[in-house]
C-alpha cells in the first residue's frame, strides 16, 4: 500500500491497518525498522469515504480540537502536542484494483460501524 503526501507530491510505501475498534492506521516506511516508521491514525467515527477511482482510496476526517502526537504523513504537518481543528484527508493506493475494491468495502463498512450506522 502507498499513501499520497500532498506536500512533496509523492507516494510513500507503508502499511495500512484497519482495526475493529474503528481506526485506520498508516505506518510509513520500512515496518521492520521501527526507527524509520512514521505513524498516522484516523478515527473512522469522524470519517467519510471520498469518491475516487481504483486503485485509490480516500478517507476524509472531520476537523476536531485535540492534541496530536507526531507529524502527519498523510496531510498537514503538525507539531507534537499542539491543539488543532483541521480536517484531514488520506489517499491510499492499493497494489491492484482487486485489492483496492476489498479495501474500499472494508473501510466503508468500518466507517458505518464506527459511526453507529451499522452493527458488527
Protein backbone atom coordinates (compact mmCIF):
# COMPACT_ATOMS: atom_id res chain seq x y z
CA UNK A 1 0.00 0.00 0.00
CA UNK A 2 1.13 3.57 -0.62
CA UNK A 3 -0.05 6.91 0.76
CA UNK A 4 -0.08 10.24 -1.07
CA UNK A 5 1.88 13.08 0.52
CA UNK A 6 0.48 16.35 -0.88
CA UNK A 7 3.39 18.40 0.47
CA UNK A 8 6.03 16.52 -1.52
CA UNK A 9 3.66 15.30 -4.27
CA UNK A 10 4.94 11.75 -3.86
CA UNK A 11 3.66 8.33 -2.89
CA UNK A 12 5.15 6.71 0.21
CA UNK A 13 5.22 2.94 0.73
CA UNK A 14 3.98 1.60 4.00
CA UNK A 15 1.36 -0.46 5.78
CA UNK A 16 -2.33 0.34 6.31
CA UNK A 17 -4.10 -1.28 9.27
CA UNK A 18 -7.86 -1.21 9.73
CA UNK A 19 -8.92 -2.06 13.30
CA UNK A 20 -12.17 -3.47 14.67
CA UNK A 21 -12.15 -0.62 17.19
CA UNK A 22 -12.74 1.91 14.40
CA UNK A 23 -9.35 3.27 13.43
CA UNK A 24 -7.33 3.36 10.23
CA UNK A 25 -3.61 3.39 10.98
CA UNK A 26 -0.88 4.16 8.47
CA UNK A 27 2.74 3.20 9.11
CA UNK A 28 5.06 4.81 6.58
CA UNK A 29 8.35 3.26 5.61
CA UNK A 30 10.07 0.01 6.38
CA UNK A 31 7.94 -1.63 9.07
CA UNK A 32 10.76 -3.97 10.11
CA UNK A 33 12.91 -0.95 11.06
CA UNK A 34 10.96 0.80 13.86
CA UNK A 35 13.29 3.80 13.75
CA UNK A 36 12.21 4.60 10.20
CA UNK A 37 8.44 4.43 10.64
CA UNK A 38 6.03 7.36 10.69
CA UNK A 39 2.52 6.74 12.00
CA UNK A 40 -0.81 8.37 11.31
CA UNK A 41 -4.21 7.44 12.75
CA UNK A 42 -7.69 8.29 11.53
CA UNK A 43 -10.75 7.87 13.77
CA UNK A 44 -13.35 6.33 11.45
CA UNK A 45 -16.27 7.63 13.54
CA UNK A 46 -15.30 11.12 12.25
CA UNK A 47 -14.51 9.96 8.69
CA UNK A 48 -16.30 9.75 5.40
CA UNK A 49 -15.33 7.74 2.34
CA UNK A 50 -14.43 10.09 -0.50
CA UNK A 51 -15.17 9.29 -4.12
CA UNK A 52 -12.27 8.14 -6.21
CA UNK A 53 -11.19 5.67 -8.82
CA UNK A 54 -9.38 2.39 -8.24
CA UNK A 55 -6.69 1.74 -7.22
CA UNK A 56 -7.05 4.85 -4.99
CA UNK A 57 -8.97 5.04 -1.70
CA UNK A 58 -9.62 8.37 0.04
CA UNK A 59 -10.86 8.93 3.57
CA UNK A 60 -11.68 12.38 4.94
CA UNK A 61 -11.68 13.02 8.69
CA UNK A 62 -13.70 15.93 10.04
CA UNK A 63 -11.76 18.52 11.98
CA UNK A 64 -11.66 18.44 15.76
CA UNK A 65 -9.83 20.07 18.60
CA UNK A 66 -7.29 17.97 20.45
CA UNK A 67 -3.63 17.15 20.60
CA UNK A 68 -1.62 15.26 18.04
CA UNK A 69 1.36 13.13 18.97
CA UNK A 70 3.61 13.39 15.95
CA UNK A 71 3.62 14.74 12.43
CA UNK A 72 1.18 13.80 9.73
CA UNK A 73 2.50 11.96 6.69
CA UNK A 74 -0.91 11.88 5.03
CA UNK A 75 -1.89 15.54 5.21
CA UNK A 76 -0.72 18.62 7.02
CA UNK A 77 2.37 18.56 9.20
CA UNK A 78 1.52 19.18 12.85
CA UNK A 79 3.84 19.71 15.77
CA UNK A 80 3.55 17.34 18.77
CA UNK A 81 1.08 18.36 21.49
CA UNK A 82 -0.35 21.32 19.55
CA UNK A 83 -4.13 21.81 19.66
CA UNK A 84 -5.70 21.88 16.22
CA UNK A 85 -9.06 21.93 14.46
CA UNK A 86 -8.45 20.86 10.90
CA UNK A 87 -9.97 18.34 8.53
CA UNK A 88 -7.58 15.76 7.13
CA UNK A 89 -7.59 13.51 4.11
CA UNK A 90 -5.78 10.24 3.49
CA UNK A 91 -5.36 8.98 -0.06
CA UNK A 92 -4.07 5.44 -0.31
CA UNK A 93 -3.07 3.48 -3.40
CA UNK A 94 -3.52 -0.27 -3.42
CA UNK A 95 -1.23 -2.54 -5.47
CA UNK A 96 -4.15 -3.72 -7.64
CA UNK A 97 -7.74 -2.83 -8.49
CA UNK A 98 -8.94 -6.05 -6.82
CA UNK A 99 -7.15 -5.22 -3.56
CA UNK A 100 -8.45 -1.64 -3.78
CA UNK A 101 -12.03 -2.92 -4.02
CA UNK A 102 -11.51 -5.17 -0.98
CA UNK A 103 -10.09 -2.24 1.00
CA UNK A 104 -12.90 0.07 -0.15
CA UNK A 105 -15.57 -2.35 1.06
CA UNK A 106 -13.80 -2.92 4.39
CA UNK A 107 -13.22 0.80 5.04
CA UNK A 108 -16.82 1.75 4.15
CA UNK A 109 -18.17 -0.94 6.46
CA UNK A 110 -15.79 0.12 9.27
CA UNK A 111 -16.88 3.76 8.89
CA UNK A 112 -20.54 2.72 9.10
CA UNK A 113 -19.91 0.63 12.24
CA UNK A 114 -17.80 3.36 13.89
CA UNK A 115 -20.44 5.99 13.15
CA UNK A 116 -23.13 3.76 14.68
CA UNK A 117 -24.99 3.28 11.40
CA UNK A 118 -24.38 -0.47 11.33
CA UNK A 119 -23.68 -3.21 13.88
CA UNK A 120 -20.69 -5.52 13.74
